[in-house]
Amino acid sequence: MAKTTLELIEEALRKEVRKIDKSVQVTAVEQSKKKNFYRVILLKDGKSGSAELKKDAVQQYLDRGGKGGELKRALGKAVSHLSISYRR
């Protein structure tokens, strides 16, 4: 298997977030200050938010070809929080 890079992870997360809500964009994926986590920065309607995702959940998602329930739930919560928090 090819080495997992942040660019590969960012592209996979971008596709998954697009499935959840087309108006939300993934602006960046970076190593979190917490050990064994990635930080995903999301943008919707000019407002940004972030989510902490476990490295294991991201790796399982990539290994299974886009089938990872834990990752989808975490992204869904982050997207819904972003949508609710900034509703006018």
C-alpha atoms as a PDB file:
ATOM      1  CA  MET A   1       0.000   0.000   0.000  1.00  0.00           C
ATOM      2  CA  ALA A   2       1.213   3.510  -0.762  1.00  0.00           C
ATOM      3  CA  LYS A   3       2.262   5.751   2.074  1.00  0.00           C
ATOM      4  CA  THR A   4      -0.600   7.822   3.427  1.00  0.00           C
ATOM      5  CA  THR A   5       0.061  11.513   2.952  1.00  0.00           C
ATOM      6  CA  LEU A   6      -1.848  14.555   4.085  1.00  0.00           C
ATOM      7  CA  GLU A   7      -2.684  15.343   0.453  1.00  0.00           C
ATOM      8  CA  LEU A   8      -4.236  11.906  -0.017  1.00  0.00           C
ATOM      9  CA  ILE A   9      -6.198  12.251   3.217  1.00  0.00           C
ATOM     10  CA  GLU A  10      -7.333  15.761   2.310  1.00  0.00           C
ATOM     11  CA  GLU A  11      -8.630  14.602  -1.083  1.00  0.00           C
ATOM     12  CA  ALA A  12     -10.535  11.667   0.465  1.00  0.00           C
ATOM     13  CA  LEU A  13     -12.070  13.879   3.159  1.00  0.00           C
ATOM     14  CA  ARG A  14     -12.967  16.522   0.589  1.00  0.00           C
ATOM     15  CA  LYS A  15     -14.960  13.920  -1.382  1.00  0.00           C
ATOM     16  CA  GLU A  16     -16.697  12.625   1.734  1.00  0.00           C
ATOM     17  CA  VAL A  17     -17.662  16.099   2.982  1.00  0.00           C
ATOM     18  CA  ARG A  18     -18.973  16.927  -0.502  1.00  0.00           C
ATOM     19  CA  LYS A  19     -21.314  13.916  -0.223  1.00  0.00           C
ATOM     20  CA  ILE A  20     -22.616  15.193   3.116  1.00  0.00           C
ATOM     21  CA  ASP A  21     -23.095  18.867   2.178  1.00  0.00           C
ATOM     22  CA  LYS A  22     -22.117  20.401  -1.140  1.00  0.00           C
ATOM     23  CA  SER A  23     -21.808  23.894   0.353  1.00  0.00           C
ATOM     24  CA  VAL A  24     -19.076  22.875   2.837  1.00  0.00           C
ATOM     25  CA  GLN A  25     -15.432  22.877   1.764  1.00  0.00           C
ATOM     26  CA  VAL A  26     -12.386  21.245   3.337  1.00  0.00           C
ATOM     27  CA  THR A  27      -9.749  23.968   3.437  1.00  0.00           C
ATOM     28  CA  ALA A  28      -6.952  22.059   5.171  1.00  0.00           C
ATOM     29  CA  VAL A  29      -5.933  18.853   6.909  1.00  0.00           C
ATOM     30  CA  GLU A  30      -3.045  18.998   9.347  1.00  0.00           C
ATOM     31  CA  GLN A  31      -1.501  17.135  12.233  1.00  0.00           C
ATOM     32  CA  SER A  32      -3.332  17.966  15.430  1.00  0.00           C
ATOM     33  CA  LYS A  33      -1.647  19.023  18.641  1.00  0.00           C
ATOM     34  CA  LYS A  34      -3.276  15.941  20.150  1.00  0.00           C
ATOM     35  CA  LYS A  35      -1.366  12.753  19.549  1.00  0.00           C
ATOM     36  CA  ASN A  36      -2.899  10.399  16.949  1.00  0.00           C
ATOM     37  CA  PHE A  37      -5.380  12.940  15.565  1.00  0.00           C
ATOM     38  CA  TYR A  38      -5.777  14.971  12.380  1.00  0.00           C
ATOM     39  CA  ARG A  39      -7.377  18.412  12.396  1.00  0.00           C
ATOM     40  CA  VAL A  40      -9.746  19.121   9.497  1.00  0.00           C
ATOM     41  CA  ILE A  41     -10.687  22.739   8.832  1.00  0.00           C
ATOM     42  CA  LEU A  42     -14.087  23.266   7.195  1.00  0.00           C
ATOM     43  CA  LEU A  43     -15.567  26.351   5.528  1.00  0.00           C
ATOM     44  CA  LYS A  44     -19.232  27.182   4.861  1.00  0.00           C
ATOM     45  CA  ASP A  45     -20.645  30.546   3.829  1.00  0.00           C
ATOM     46  CA  GLY A  46     -17.495  32.357   4.926  1.00  0.00           C
ATOM     47  CA  LYS A  47     -17.513  30.776   8.405  1.00  0.00           C
ATOM     48  CA  SER A  48     -14.968  28.179   9.429  1.00  0.00           C
ATOM     49  CA  GLY A  49     -14.949  25.339  11.900  1.00  0.00           C
ATOM     50  CA  SER A  50     -12.770  22.350  12.609  1.00  0.00           C
ATOM     51  CA  ALA A  51     -12.955  18.724  13.636  1.00  0.00           C
ATOM     52  CA  GLU A  52     -10.481  16.376  15.267  1.00  0.00           C
ATOM     53  CA  LEU A  53     -10.395  12.961  13.581  1.00  0.00           C
ATOM     54  CA  LYS A  54      -8.606   9.888  14.903  1.00  0.00           C
ATOM     55  CA  LYS A  55      -5.770   8.728  12.689  1.00  0.00           C
ATOM     56  CA  ASP A  56      -7.005   5.142  13.040  1.00  0.00           C
ATOM     57  CA  ALA A  57     -10.470   6.070  11.743  1.00  0.00           C
ATOM     58  CA  VAL A  58      -8.975   7.898   8.757  1.00  0.00           C
ATOM     59  CA  GLN A  59      -6.676   4.961   7.976  1.00  0.00           C
ATOM     60  CA  GLN A  60      -9.551   2.468   8.199  1.00  0.00           C
ATOM     61  CA  TYR A  61     -11.611   4.650   5.857  1.00  0.00           C
ATOM     62  CA  LEU A  62      -8.780   4.712   3.312  1.00  0.00           C
ATOM     63  CA  ASP A  63      -8.052   0.986   3.657  1.00  0.00           C
ATOM     64  CA  ARG A  64     -11.698   0.034   3.139  1.00  0.00           C
ATOM     65  CA  GLY A  65     -12.079   2.175   0.045  1.00  0.00           C
ATOM     66  CA  GLY A  66     -14.367   4.810   1.517  1.00  0.00           C
ATOM     67  CA  LYS A  67     -16.300   2.655   3.967  1.00  0.00           C
ATOM     68  CA  GLY A  68     -15.709   3.895   7.473  1.00  0.00           C
ATOM     69  CA  GLY A  69     -18.694   4.544   9.705  1.00  0.00           C
ATOM     70  CA  GLU A  70     -16.757   6.220  12.503  1.00  0.00           C
ATOM     71  CA  LEU A  71     -15.179   8.758  10.150  1.00  0.00           C
ATOM     72  CA  LYS A  72     -18.468   9.505   8.386  1.00  0.00           C
ATOM     73  CA  ARG A  73     -20.211  10.111  11.720  1.00  0.00           C
ATOM     74  CA  ALA A  74     -17.451  12.448  12.906  1.00  0.00           C
ATOM     75  CA  LEU A  75     -17.512  14.434   9.660  1.00  0.00           C
ATOM     76  CA  GLY A  76     -21.304  14.549   9.713  1.00  0.00           C
ATOM     77  CA  LYS A  77     -21.288  15.970  13.234  1.00  0.00           C
ATOM     78  CA  ALA A  78     -18.722  18.605  12.284  1.00  0.00           C
ATOM     79  CA  VAL A  79     -20.681  19.631   9.188  1.00  0.00           C
ATOM     80  CA  SER A  80     -23.980  19.800  11.050  1.00  0.00           C
ATOM     81  CA  HIS A  81     -22.404  21.803  13.869  1.00  0.00           C
ATOM     82  CA  LEU A  82     -21.014  24.244  11.334  1.00  0.00           C
ATOM     83  CA  SER A  83     -24.429  24.544   9.664  1.00  0.00           C
ATOM     84  CA  ILE A  84     -26.337  25.039  12.919  1.00  0.00           C
ATOM     85  CA  SER A  85     -23.846  27.395  14.549  1.00  0.00           C
ATOM     86  CA  TYR A  86     -23.886  29.909  11.733  1.00  0.00           C
ATOM     87  CA  ARG A  87     -27.530  29.806  10.686  1.00  0.00           C
ATOM     88  CA  ARG A  88     -29.001  33.276  10.237  1.00  0.00           C
END
